[in-house]
Amino acid sequence: MAAITVPGKAANGLGPGEGGPPEPGRRGLVQKVRRNLSAYGFLVGALLCFGFFTWYPMVREVIMSFQKTRRGTTTWVGMENLQRIFNDPAFWQAWRNTLLYTGLALLLGFAVPFVVAIVLNELRHARSYLRILVYLPVMMPPVASVLLFKYFYDPDFGLFNHILAFFHLPTSAWLNSTSTAMLSVVIASTWMNMGGATLIYLAALQTIPGELYEAAELDGAGLLRKIWHVTIPQTRLILSLLLLLQIVATMQVFVEPFLLTGGNGPQGSTTTVVYLVYQYAFNFNNYGSASALGLVMLLVLAGFSAVYVRLSRETD
C-alpha cells in the first residue's frame, strides 16, 4: 500500500525542524557559516582590538574633556577645561608653531620625495640599491634617527657646522636659535620619513604609459613641461591622498621636537599642540585640559579632512 505524504512533511511524517532533513536553504546557510567560521573569528578579534585600543580611548577622551579629577575624585565641570586652554597663551603659540611646522614640512617633505622618485624613475642602473638607500631611514628607530641629527646639529662639533666652516660659510646655532630651531626639526623629520612617500610616488610613476612622454617629446616638451603636463596630472590622485595624510601626520608631530629641543625649544619656538597635550597630562597632572586640547585637535583635523575630501570630489 502506497504511503500518503502530507505537503511539508517528509516520508517519515517529520517536517523540517522536527527531526527531518534540513531544508536546502538552511543546509546551505549552515555550510556557509561553518566554512567561514574561522574568518568570522578573525574578524571578531580584529573588531575587539580596534574597539578596545582605538574607539574606547577616543570616547574616554571626549568624556574626560568635560571632567576634572582631583585627589581621586572626578567631577563634571562642563566647558571649564575648554575655557582654560583657550585662555592659556601657550595654546595659541603651540598652534602657530604647529602650523609653521606643517607648512615647512609640506615644502620639504612633500616636494623632496616626489623629486627623488622622479630621479629614481629615470635611472637605468642601480635603481634597486638606491631604493633601499632611500628607504633605509624609515627602517631605523625614530629615536636613533633623531639623536643622530641632534649630534649633527651640535654647534661645537656637529657635522653641519663643520661642513659650513669648510666652505667658509657662517655657522649656525641650529637648535639653540629661534630662527632655525623649527627648520632644523623639519629637516630631520623629512629625512626620517621621506622613504615611504618616495616608494609610493615611484610606484605611481611606473604606471604612467610611456606613450604619453613620447607624445610630449614629439611636441617639443622639455623635462619640466613633461613633469607639469604628464607626470603631475597622471599622479594627481596619489599626490592628493599623500597631501592629506601628510598634513594630518605633521599636525600631530611630537617625537622630533621632544627629543631635539626638549619639546619647548628656545623661547617656546618648537612647542607643538601634541607636546602641549603631553605637558598638561604628565607635567601638570591636568588630564581634563589635556583631553580637551586633544578634542580640539580632533575636531580641527576632522573638519579639515571633510572639507578637503569635499573639494576633491567637486574637482573630480
C-alpha atoms as a PDB file:
ATOM      1  CA  MET A   1       0.000   0.000   0.000  1.00  0.00           C
ATOM      2  CA  ALA A   2       1.481   3.352  -1.008  1.00  0.00           C
ATOM      3  CA  ALA A   3       2.387   5.790   1.740  1.00  0.00           C
ATOM      4  CA  ILE A   4       0.452   9.000   1.907  1.00  0.00           C
ATOM      5  CA  THR A   5       2.607  12.100   2.465  1.00  0.00           C
ATOM      6  CA  VAL A   6       1.370  15.406   3.723  1.00  0.00           C
ATOM      7  CA  PRO A   7       2.697  18.520   1.974  1.00  0.00           C
ATOM      8  CA  GLY A   8       5.570  19.999   4.003  1.00  0.00           C
ATOM      9  CA  LYS A   9       6.212  16.643   5.690  1.00  0.00           C
ATOM     10  CA  ALA A  10       8.864  14.066   4.974  1.00  0.00           C
ATOM     11  CA  ALA A  11       8.040  10.427   4.296  1.00  0.00           C
ATOM     12  CA  ASN A  12       8.537   9.616   7.980  1.00  0.00           C
ATOM     13  CA  GLY A  13       5.978  12.238   8.929  1.00  0.00           C
ATOM     14  CA  LEU A  14       8.535  14.741  10.278  1.00  0.00           C
ATOM     15  CA  GLY A  15       8.862  18.134   8.719  1.00  0.00           C
ATOM     16  CA  PRO A  16      11.855  20.422   8.595  1.00  0.00           C
ATOM     17  CA  GLY A  17      12.880  21.419  12.096  1.00  0.00           C
ATOM     18  CA  GLU A  18      11.061  18.361  13.557  1.00  0.00           C
ATOM     19  CA  GLY A  19      13.891  15.894  13.182  1.00  0.00           C
ATOM     20  CA  GLY A  20      13.528  15.556   9.403  1.00  0.00           C
ATOM     21  CA  PRO A  21      16.141  16.503   6.840  1.00  0.00           C
ATOM     22  CA  PRO A  22      17.013  20.227   6.818  1.00  0.00           C
ATOM     23  CA  GLU A  23      15.686  22.459   4.090  1.00  0.00           C
ATOM     24  CA  PRO A  24      18.070  23.122   1.185  1.00  0.00           C
ATOM     25  CA  GLY A  25      18.314  26.841   2.027  1.00  0.00           C
ATOM     26  CA  ARG A  26      19.014  26.134   5.689  1.00  0.00           C
ATOM     27  CA  ARG A  27      21.569  23.465   4.809  1.00  0.00           C
ATOM     28  CA  GLY A  28      23.411  25.943   2.567  1.00  0.00           C
ATOM     29  CA  LEU A  29      23.407  28.593   5.297  1.00  0.00           C
ATOM     30  CA  VAL A  30      24.823  26.146   7.855  1.00  0.00           C
ATOM     31  CA  GLN A  31      27.554  25.081   5.455  1.00  0.00           C
ATOM     32  CA  LYS A  32      28.404  28.674   4.650  1.00  0.00           C
ATOM     33  CA  VAL A  33      28.669  29.578   8.334  1.00  0.00           C
ATOM     34  CA  ARG A  34      30.894  26.545   9.040  1.00  0.00           C
ATOM     35  CA  ARG A  35      33.064  27.325   6.046  1.00  0.00           C
ATOM     36  CA  ASN A  36      33.545  30.966   7.105  1.00  0.00           C
ATOM     37  CA  LEU A  37      33.712  30.317  10.843  1.00  0.00           C
ATOM     38  CA  SER A  38      37.459  30.923  11.015  1.00  0.00           C
ATOM     39  CA  ALA A  39      37.120  34.125   9.005  1.00  0.00           C
ATOM     40  CA  TYR A  40      34.394  35.356  11.362  1.00  0.00           C
ATOM     41  CA  GLY A  41      36.637  34.512  14.294  1.00  0.00           C
ATOM     42  CA  PHE A  42      39.488  36.628  12.925  1.00  0.00           C
ATOM     43  CA  LEU A  43      37.037  39.426  12.134  1.00  0.00           C
ATOM     44  CA  VAL A  44      35.648  39.443  15.672  1.00  0.00           C
ATOM     45  CA  GLY A  45      39.174  39.559  17.107  1.00  0.00           C
ATOM     46  CA  ALA A  46      40.110  42.477  14.887  1.00  0.00           C
ATOM     47  CA  LEU A  47      36.919  44.351  15.803  1.00  0.00           C
ATOM     48  CA  LEU A  48      37.533  43.785  19.513  1.00  0.00           C
ATOM     49  CA  CYS A  49      41.128  45.038  19.259  1.00  0.00           C
ATOM     50  CA  PHE A  50      40.041  48.018  17.173  1.00  0.00           C
ATOM     51  CA  GLY A  51      37.244  48.897  19.574  1.00  0.00           C
ATOM     52  CA  PHE A  52      39.335  48.476  22.726  1.00  0.00           C
ATOM     53  CA  PHE A  53      42.527  50.197  21.574  1.00  0.00           C
ATOM     54  CA  THR A  54      41.049  52.846  19.223  1.00  0.00           C
ATOM     55  CA  TRP A  55      37.415  53.680  19.852  1.00  0.00           C
ATOM     56  CA  TYR A  56      37.404  53.293  23.630  1.00  0.00           C
ATOM     57  CA  PRO A  57      40.308  55.774  24.142  1.00  0.00           C
ATOM     58  CA  MET A  58      38.584  58.252  21.821  1.00  0.00           C
ATOM     59  CA  VAL A  59      35.286  58.020  23.691  1.00  0.00           C
ATOM     60  CA  ARG A  60      37.113  58.159  27.013  1.00  0.00           C
ATOM     61  CA  GLU A  61      38.982  61.291  25.891  1.00  0.00           C
ATOM     62  CA  VAL A  62      35.733  63.048  24.965  1.00  0.00           C
ATOM     63  CA  ILE A  63      34.260  62.229  28.383  1.00  0.00           C
ATOM     64  CA  MET A  64      37.387  63.320  30.271  1.00  0.00           C
ATOM     65  CA  SER A  65      37.473  66.655  28.440  1.00  0.00           C
ATOM     66  CA  PHE A  66      34.351  67.645  30.418  1.00  0.00           C
ATOM     67  CA  GLN A  67      35.590  66.260  33.730  1.00  0.00           C
ATOM     68  CA  LYS A  68      38.121  67.180  36.386  1.00  0.00           C
ATOM     69  CA  THR A  69      39.912  64.744  38.661  1.00  0.00           C
ATOM     70  CA  ARG A  70      41.408  65.884  41.949  1.00  0.00           C
ATOM     71  CA  ARG A  71      42.640  63.613  44.743  1.00  0.00           C
ATOM     72  CA  GLY A  72      40.916  60.614  43.211  1.00  0.00           C
ATOM     73  CA  THR A  73      37.551  62.390  42.923  1.00  0.00           C
ATOM     74  CA  THR A  74      36.125  63.022  39.447  1.00  0.00           C
ATOM     75  CA  THR A  75      33.630  65.823  38.935  1.00  0.00           C
ATOM     76  CA  TRP A  76      31.776  67.108  35.890  1.00  0.00           C
ATOM     77  CA  VAL A  77      32.952  70.649  35.023  1.00  0.00           C
ATOM     78  CA  GLY A  78      31.349  71.167  31.612  1.00  0.00           C
ATOM     79  CA  MET A  79      33.200  73.684  29.412  1.00  0.00           C
ATOM     80  CA  GLU A  80      35.680  74.735  32.108  1.00  0.00           C
ATOM     81  CA  ASN A  81      38.577  72.767  30.602  1.00  0.00           C
ATOM     82  CA  LEU A  82      37.987  74.266  27.166  1.00  0.00           C
ATOM     83  CA  GLN A  83      37.879  77.772  28.618  1.00  0.00           C
ATOM     84  CA  ARG A  84      41.123  77.123  30.472  1.00  0.00           C
ATOM     85  CA  ILE A  85      43.072  76.027  27.410  1.00  0.00           C
ATOM     86  CA  PHE A  86      41.697  78.872  25.265  1.00  0.00           C
ATOM     87  CA  ASN A  87      42.863  81.372  27.890  1.00  0.00           C
ATOM     88  CA  ASP A  88      46.334  79.822  28.015  1.00  0.00           C
ATOM     89  CA  PRO A  89      48.868  81.822  25.908  1.00  0.00           C
ATOM     90  CA  ALA A  90      50.774  78.593  25.261  1.00  0.00           C
ATOM     91  CA  PHE A  91      47.724  77.255  23.402  1.00  0.00           C
ATOM     92  CA  TRP A  92      47.953  79.856  20.639  1.00  0.00           C
ATOM     93  CA  GLN A  93      51.735  79.668  20.462  1.00  0.00           C
ATOM     94  CA  ALA A  94      51.536  75.882  20.090  1.00  0.00           C
ATOM     95  CA  TRP A  95      49.068  76.224  17.221  1.00  0.00           C
ATOM     96  CA  ARG A  96      51.267  78.807  15.475  1.00  0.00           C
ATOM     97  CA  ASN A  97      54.292  76.531  15.811  1.00  0.00           C
ATOM     98  CA  THR A  98      52.315  73.513  14.609  1.00  0.00           C
ATOM     99  CA  LEU A  99      51.034  75.369  11.537  1.00  0.00           C
ATOM    100  CA  LEU A 100      54.561  76.621  10.822  1.00  0.00           C
ATOM    101  CA  TYR A 101      55.919  73.088  11.098  1.00  0.00           C
ATOM    102  CA  THR A 102      53.172  71.777   8.801  1.00  0.00           C
ATOM    103  CA  GLY A 103      53.875  74.457   6.191  1.00  0.00           C
ATOM    104  CA  LEU A 104      57.630  73.828   6.208  1.00  0.00           C
ATOM    105  CA  ALA A 105      57.065  70.066   6.151  1.00  0.00           C
ATOM    106  CA  LEU A 106      54.892  70.427   3.056  1.00  0.00           C
ATOM    107  CA  LEU A 107      57.555  72.477   1.288  1.00  0.00           C
ATOM    108  CA  LEU A 108      60.254  69.921   2.048  1.00  0.00           C
ATOM    109  CA  GLY A 109      58.608  66.636   2.997  1.00  0.00           C
ATOM    110  CA  PHE A 110      56.042  66.736   0.200  1.00  0.00           C
ATOM    111  CA  ALA A 111      58.173  68.039  -2.656  1.00  0.00           C
ATOM    112  CA  VAL A 112      61.516  66.347  -1.945  1.00  0.00           C
ATOM    113  CA  PRO A 113      60.202  62.731  -2.053  1.00  0.00           C
ATOM    114  CA  PHE A 114      58.423  63.457  -5.342  1.00  0.00           C
ATOM    115  CA  VAL A 115      61.600  64.854  -6.902  1.00  0.00           C
ATOM    116  CA  VAL A 116      63.645  61.914  -5.611  1.00  0.00           C
ATOM    117  CA  ALA A 117      61.069  59.499  -7.054  1.00  0.00           C
ATOM    118  CA  ILE A 118      61.299  61.187 -10.464  1.00  0.00           C
ATOM    119  CA  VAL A 119      65.098  60.898 -10.393  1.00  0.00           C
ATOM    120  CA  LEU A 120      64.958  57.228  -9.406  1.00  0.00           C
ATOM    121  CA  ASN A 121      62.407  56.545 -12.138  1.00  0.00           C
ATOM    122  CA  GLU A 122      64.742  57.986 -14.771  1.00  0.00           C
ATOM    123  CA  LEU A 123      67.717  55.881 -13.703  1.00  0.00           C
ATOM    124  CA  ARG A 124      68.548  52.678 -15.541  1.00  0.00           C
ATOM    125  CA  HIS A 125      71.246  51.247 -13.284  1.00  0.00           C
ATOM    126  CA  ALA A 126      71.440  50.555  -9.536  1.00  0.00           C
ATOM    127  CA  ARG A 127      67.793  51.528  -9.118  1.00  0.00           C
ATOM    128  CA  SER A 128      67.087  48.749  -6.601  1.00  0.00           C
ATOM    129  CA  TYR A 129      70.077  49.652  -4.427  1.00  0.00           C
ATOM    130  CA  LEU A 130      69.090  53.311  -4.418  1.00  0.00           C
ATOM    131  CA  ARG A 131      65.547  52.379  -3.366  1.00  0.00           C
ATOM    132  CA  ILE A 132      66.967  50.547  -0.359  1.00  0.00           C
ATOM    133  CA  LEU A 133      69.193  53.527   0.421  1.00  0.00           C
ATOM    134  CA  VAL A 134      66.256  55.944   0.283  1.00  0.00           C
ATOM    135  CA  TYR A 135      64.043  53.703   2.429  1.00  0.00           C
ATOM    136  CA  LEU A 136      66.774  52.945   4.976  1.00  0.00           C
ATOM    137  CA  PRO A 137      65.931  55.892   7.318  1.00  0.00           C
ATOM    138  CA  VAL A 138      62.357  54.598   7.654  1.00  0.00           C
ATOM    139  CA  MET A 139      63.664  51.255   8.929  1.00  0.00           C
ATOM    140  CA  MET A 140      65.763  52.935  11.602  1.00  0.00           C
ATOM    141  CA  PRO A 141      64.194  53.518  15.038  1.00  0.00           C
ATOM    142  CA  PRO A 142      62.895  57.118  15.205  1.00  0.00           C
ATOM    143  CA  VAL A 143      64.791  57.784  18.431  1.00  0.00           C
ATOM    144  CA  ALA A 144      68.095  56.723  16.853  1.00  0.00           C
ATOM    145  CA  SER A 145      67.474  58.931  13.816  1.00  0.00           C
ATOM    146  CA  VAL A 146      66.601  61.955  15.933  1.00  0.00           C
ATOM    147  CA  LEU A 147      69.620  61.523  18.193  1.00  0.00           C
ATOM    148  CA  LEU A 148      71.822  61.240  15.107  1.00  0.00           C
ATOM    149  CA  PHE A 149      70.575  64.606  13.875  1.00  0.00           C
ATOM    150  CA  LYS A 150      70.989  66.066  17.346  1.00  0.00           C
ATOM    151  CA  TYR A 151      74.667  65.185  17.043  1.00  0.00           C
ATOM    152  CA  PHE A 152      74.792  66.733  13.552  1.00  0.00           C
ATOM    153  CA  TYR A 153      73.260  69.966  14.890  1.00  0.00           C
ATOM    154  CA  ASP A 154      75.727  70.380  17.757  1.00  0.00           C
ATOM    155  CA  PRO A 155      77.121  73.932  17.473  1.00  0.00           C
ATOM    156  CA  ASP A 156      80.657  72.930  18.530  1.00  0.00           C
ATOM    157  CA  PHE A 157      81.468  69.581  16.909  1.00  0.00           C
ATOM    158  CA  GLY A 158      78.395  68.867  14.788  1.00  0.00           C
ATOM    159  CA  LEU A 159      78.724  67.712  11.180  1.00  0.00           C
ATOM    160  CA  PHE A 160      76.656  70.532   9.669  1.00  0.00           C
ATOM    161  CA  ASN A 161      78.745  73.324  11.174  1.00  0.00           C
ATOM    162  CA  HIS A 162      81.926  71.538  10.088  1.00  0.00           C
ATOM    163  CA  ILE A 163      80.625  71.498   6.520  1.00  0.00           C
ATOM    164  CA  LEU A 164      79.734  75.195   6.684  1.00  0.00           C
ATOM    165  CA  ALA A 165      83.130  76.039   8.120  1.00  0.00           C
ATOM    166  CA  PHE A 166      84.880  74.012   5.401  1.00  0.00           C
ATOM    167  CA  PHE A 167      83.251  76.201   2.736  1.00  0.00           C
ATOM    168  CA  HIS A 168      83.973  79.351   4.808  1.00  0.00           C
ATOM    169  CA  LEU A 169      80.293  79.950   5.475  1.00  0.00           C
ATOM    170  CA  PRO A 170      78.878  81.272   8.759  1.00  0.00           C
ATOM    171  CA  THR A 171      77.917  78.528  11.186  1.00  0.00           C
ATOM    172  CA  SER A 172      74.539  78.306  12.895  1.00  0.00           C
ATOM    173  CA  ALA A 173      73.238  77.605  16.369  1.00  0.00           C
ATOM    174  CA  TRP A 174      70.621  75.336  14.782  1.00  0.00           C
ATOM    175  CA  LEU A 175      68.522  74.044  17.691  1.00  0.00           C
ATOM    176  CA  ASN A 176      69.503  76.914  20.021  1.00  0.00           C
ATOM    177  CA  SER A 177      68.180  79.711  17.817  1.00  0.00           C
ATOM    178  CA  THR A 178      64.545  80.774  17.484  1.00  0.00           C
ATOM    179  CA  SER A 179      65.023  81.396  13.754  1.00  0.00           C
ATOM    180  CA  THR A 180      66.419  77.951  12.888  1.00  0.00           C
ATOM    181  CA  ALA A 181      65.053  75.586  15.562  1.00  0.00           C
ATOM    182  CA  MET A 182      61.816  74.699  13.770  1.00  0.00           C
ATOM    183  CA  LEU A 183      63.546  74.420  10.389  1.00  0.00           C
ATOM    184  CA  SER A 184      66.072  72.032  11.944  1.00  0.00           C
ATOM    185  CA  VAL A 185      63.248  69.859  13.251  1.00  0.00           C
ATOM    186  CA  VAL A 186      61.616  69.799   9.801  1.00  0.00           C
ATOM    187  CA  ILE A 187      64.868  68.768   8.093  1.00  0.00           C
ATOM    188  CA  ALA A 188      65.335  65.859  10.476  1.00  0.00           C
ATOM    189  CA  SER A 189      61.711  64.784  10.106  1.00  0.00           C
ATOM    190  CA  THR A 190      61.895  64.939   6.311  1.00  0.00           C
ATOM    191  CA  TRP A 191      64.970  62.718   6.215  1.00  0.00           C
ATOM    192  CA  MET A 192      63.336  60.225   8.590  1.00  0.00           C
ATOM    193  CA  ASN A 193      60.022  59.854   6.752  1.00  0.00           C
ATOM    194  CA  MET A 194      60.665  60.505   3.077  1.00  0.00           C
ATOM    195  CA  GLY A 195      61.419  56.875   2.160  1.00  0.00           C
ATOM    196  CA  GLY A 196      57.835  55.606   2.292  1.00  0.00           C
ATOM    197  CA  ALA A 197      56.440  58.515   0.269  1.00  0.00           C
ATOM    198  CA  THR A 198      59.235  58.162  -2.282  1.00  0.00           C
ATOM    199  CA  LEU A 199      58.438  54.499  -2.946  1.00  0.00           C
ATOM    200  CA  ILE A 200      54.716  55.273  -3.286  1.00  0.00           C
ATOM    201  CA  TYR A 201      55.470  58.040  -5.775  1.00  0.00           C
ATOM    202  CA  LEU A 202      57.846  55.755  -7.654  1.00  0.00           C
ATOM    203  CA  ALA A 203      55.170  53.059  -7.945  1.00  0.00           C
ATOM    204  CA  ALA A 204      52.719  55.637  -9.291  1.00  0.00           C
ATOM    205  CA  LEU A 205      55.256  56.940 -11.816  1.00  0.00           C
ATOM    206  CA  GLN A 206      55.853  53.460 -13.200  1.00  0.00           C
ATOM    207  CA  THR A 207      52.143  53.128 -14.079  1.00  0.00           C
ATOM    208  CA  ILE A 208      52.265  56.115 -16.458  1.00  0.00           C
ATOM    209  CA  PRO A 209      52.218  54.921 -20.096  1.00  0.00           C
ATOM    210  CA  GLY A 210      55.432  55.698 -21.931  1.00  0.00           C
ATOM    211  CA  GLU A 211      53.435  56.804 -24.978  1.00  0.00           C
ATOM    212  CA  LEU A 212      52.447  59.984 -23.139  1.00  0.00           C
ATOM    213  CA  TYR A 213      56.074  61.004 -22.681  1.00  0.00           C
ATOM    214  CA  GLU A 214      56.850  60.127 -26.289  1.00  0.00           C
ATOM    215  CA  ALA A 215      53.965  62.303 -27.483  1.00  0.00           C
ATOM    216  CA  ALA A 216      55.194  65.149 -25.283  1.00  0.00           C
ATOM    217  CA  GLU A 217      58.707  64.835 -26.728  1.00  0.00           C
ATOM    218  CA  LEU A 218      57.297  64.968 -30.257  1.00  0.00           C
ATOM    219  CA  ASP A 219      55.558  68.202 -29.298  1.00  0.00           C
ATOM    220  CA  GLY A 220      58.907  69.610 -28.187  1.00  0.00           C
ATOM    221  CA  ALA A 221      58.289  69.430 -24.445  1.00  0.00           C
ATOM    222  CA  GLY A 222      61.302  69.575 -22.183  1.00  0.00           C
ATOM    223  CA  LEU A 223      61.786  67.893 -18.818  1.00  0.00           C
ATOM    224  CA  LEU A 224      59.886  70.478 -16.780  1.00  0.00           C
ATOM    225  CA  ARG A 225      56.974  70.606 -19.237  1.00  0.00           C
ATOM    226  CA  LYS A 226      56.723  66.798 -19.249  1.00  0.00           C
ATOM    227  CA  ILE A 227      56.599  66.797 -15.469  1.00  0.00           C
ATOM    228  CA  TRP A 228      53.969  69.544 -15.393  1.00  0.00           C
ATOM    229  CA  HIS A 229      51.722  68.271 -18.195  1.00  0.00           C
ATOM    230  CA  VAL A 230      52.207  64.494 -17.913  1.00  0.00           C
ATOM    231  CA  THR A 231      53.673  63.377 -14.590  1.00  0.00           C
ATOM    232  CA  ILE A 232      51.666  65.530 -12.197  1.00  0.00           C
ATOM    233  CA  PRO A 233      48.250  65.010 -13.880  1.00  0.00           C
ATOM    234  CA  GLN A 234      48.799  61.250 -14.067  1.00  0.00           C
ATOM    235  CA  THR A 235      49.740  61.022 -10.381  1.00  0.00           C
ATOM    236  CA  ARG A 236      47.213  63.583  -9.118  1.00  0.00           C
ATOM    237  CA  LEU A 237      45.249  61.022  -7.092  1.00  0.00           C
ATOM    238  CA  ILE A 238      48.336  59.780  -5.227  1.00  0.00           C
ATOM    239  CA  LEU A 239      49.564  63.343  -4.710  1.00  0.00           C
ATOM    240  CA  SER A 240      46.257  64.473  -3.213  1.00  0.00           C
ATOM    241  CA  LEU A 241      45.998  61.409  -0.968  1.00  0.00           C
ATOM    242  CA  LEU A 242      49.525  61.775   0.407  1.00  0.00           C
ATOM    243  CA  LEU A 243      48.996  65.506   0.848  1.00  0.00           C
ATOM    244  CA  LEU A 244      46.027  64.830   3.119  1.00  0.00           C
ATOM    245  CA  LEU A 245      47.871  62.116   5.062  1.00  0.00           C
ATOM    246  CA  GLN A 246      50.963  64.265   5.479  1.00  0.00           C
ATOM    247  CA  ILE A 247      49.020  67.258   6.788  1.00  0.00           C
ATOM    248  CA  VAL A 248      47.217  65.066   9.326  1.00  0.00           C
ATOM    249  CA  ALA A 249      50.511  63.430  10.377  1.00  0.00           C
ATOM    250  CA  THR A 250      52.570  66.625  10.640  1.00  0.00           C
ATOM    251  CA  MET A 251      49.891  68.317  12.737  1.00  0.00           C
ATOM    252  CA  GLN A 252      50.496  65.583  15.326  1.00  0.00           C
ATOM    253  CA  VAL A 253      54.284  65.853  15.467  1.00  0.00           C
ATOM    254  CA  PHE A 254      55.797  65.048  18.866  1.00  0.00           C
ATOM    255  CA  VAL A 255      58.886  62.821  18.756  1.00  0.00           C
ATOM    256  CA  GLU A 256      61.184  65.126  16.775  1.00  0.00           C
ATOM    257  CA  PRO A 257      60.769  68.357  18.782  1.00  0.00           C
ATOM    258  CA  PHE A 258      60.629  66.439  22.058  1.00  0.00           C
ATOM    259  CA  LEU A 259      63.996  64.746  21.508  1.00  0.00           C
ATOM    260  CA  LEU A 260      65.771  67.517  19.605  1.00  0.00           C
ATOM    261  CA  THR A 261      64.799  70.580  21.651  1.00  0.00           C
ATOM    262  CA  GLY A 262      63.201  69.119  24.773  1.00  0.00           C
ATOM    263  CA  GLY A 263      59.763  69.982  23.402  1.00  0.00           C
ATOM    264  CA  ASN A 264      59.712  73.724  24.057  1.00  0.00           C
ATOM    265  CA  GLY A 265      62.850  74.853  22.275  1.00  0.00           C
ATOM    266  CA  PRO A 266      64.311  78.364  22.638  1.00  0.00           C
ATOM    267  CA  GLN A 267      61.535  80.697  23.870  1.00  0.00           C
ATOM    268  CA  GLY A 268      58.926  78.054  23.119  1.00  0.00           C
ATOM    269  CA  SER A 269      59.654  78.118  19.381  1.00  0.00           C
ATOM    270  CA  THR A 270      59.137  74.346  18.930  1.00  0.00           C
ATOM    271  CA  THR A 271      56.206  73.775  21.287  1.00  0.00           C
ATOM    272  CA  THR A 272      53.566  71.876  19.301  1.00  0.00           C
ATOM    273  CA  VAL A 273      49.969  71.074  20.150  1.00  0.00           C
ATOM    274  CA  VAL A 274      50.688  67.424  20.911  1.00  0.00           C
ATOM    275  CA  TYR A 275      53.595  68.382  23.164  1.00  0.00           C
ATOM    276  CA  LEU A 276      51.277  70.790  24.993  1.00  0.00           C
ATOM    277  CA  VAL A 277      48.869  67.883  25.499  1.00  0.00           C
ATOM    278  CA  TYR A 278      51.809  65.952  26.977  1.00  0.00           C
ATOM    279  CA  GLN A 279      52.620  68.843  29.297  1.00  0.00           C
ATOM    280  CA  TYR A 280      49.052  69.183  30.523  1.00  0.00           C
ATOM    281  CA  ALA A 281      48.769  65.464  31.232  1.00  0.00           C
ATOM    282  CA  PHE A 282      52.169  64.467  32.621  1.00  0.00           C
ATOM    283  CA  ASN A 283      53.780  67.706  33.803  1.00  0.00           C
ATOM    284  CA  PHE A 284      50.718  69.468  35.224  1.00  0.00           C
ATOM    285  CA  ASN A 285      48.639  66.334  36.022  1.00  0.00           C
ATOM    286  CA  ASN A 286      45.674  68.041  34.374  1.00  0.00           C
ATOM    287  CA  TYR A 287      44.134  65.238  32.338  1.00  0.00           C
ATOM    288  CA  GLY A 288      40.925  67.180  31.768  1.00  0.00           C
ATOM    289  CA  SER A 289      42.694  70.027  29.966  1.00  0.00           C
ATOM    290  CA  ALA A 290      44.865  67.543  28.061  1.00  0.00           C
ATOM    291  CA  SER A 291      41.740  65.702  26.878  1.00  0.00           C
ATOM    292  CA  ALA A 292      40.063  68.995  25.947  1.00  0.00           C
ATOM    293  CA  LEU A 293      43.063  70.033  23.852  1.00  0.00           C
ATOM    294  CA  GLY A 294      43.121  66.611  22.184  1.00  0.00           C
ATOM    295  CA  LEU A 295      39.411  67.008  21.416  1.00  0.00           C
ATOM    296  CA  VAL A 296      40.045  70.399  19.818  1.00  0.00           C
ATOM    297  CA  MET A 297      42.768  68.908  17.629  1.00  0.00           C
ATOM    298  CA  LEU A 298      40.459  66.026  16.678  1.00  0.00           C
ATOM    299  CA  LEU A 299      37.739  68.445  15.592  1.00  0.00           C
ATOM    300  CA  VAL A 300      40.191  70.617  13.635  1.00  0.00           C
ATOM    301  CA  LEU A 301      41.676  67.668  11.753  1.00  0.00           C
ATOM    302  CA  ALA A 302      38.259  66.096  11.140  1.00  0.00           C
ATOM    303  CA  GLY A 303      36.909  69.385   9.799  1.00  0.00           C
ATOM    304  CA  PHE A 304      39.923  69.876   7.555  1.00  0.00           C
ATOM    305  CA  SER A 305      39.676  66.315   6.223  1.00  0.00           C
ATOM    306  CA  ALA A 306      35.956  66.708   5.493  1.00  0.00           C
ATOM    307  CA  VAL A 307      36.490  69.975   3.616  1.00  0.00           C
ATOM    308  CA  TYR A 308      39.446  68.521   1.712  1.00  0.00           C
ATOM    309  CA  VAL A 309      37.506  65.435   0.650  1.00  0.00           C
ATOM    310  CA  ARG A 310      34.539  67.569  -0.399  1.00  0.00           C
ATOM    311  CA  LEU A 311      36.711  69.852  -2.525  1.00  0.00           C
ATOM    312  CA  SER A 312      38.473  66.852  -4.059  1.00  0.00           C
ATOM    313  CA  ARG A 313      35.141  65.333  -5.064  1.00  0.00           C
ATOM    314  CA  GLU A 314      33.988  68.588  -6.654  1.00  0.00           C
ATOM    315  CA  THR A 315      37.277  68.867  -8.546  1.00  0.00           C
ATOM    316  CA  ASP A 316      36.962  65.296  -9.820  1.00  0.00           C
END
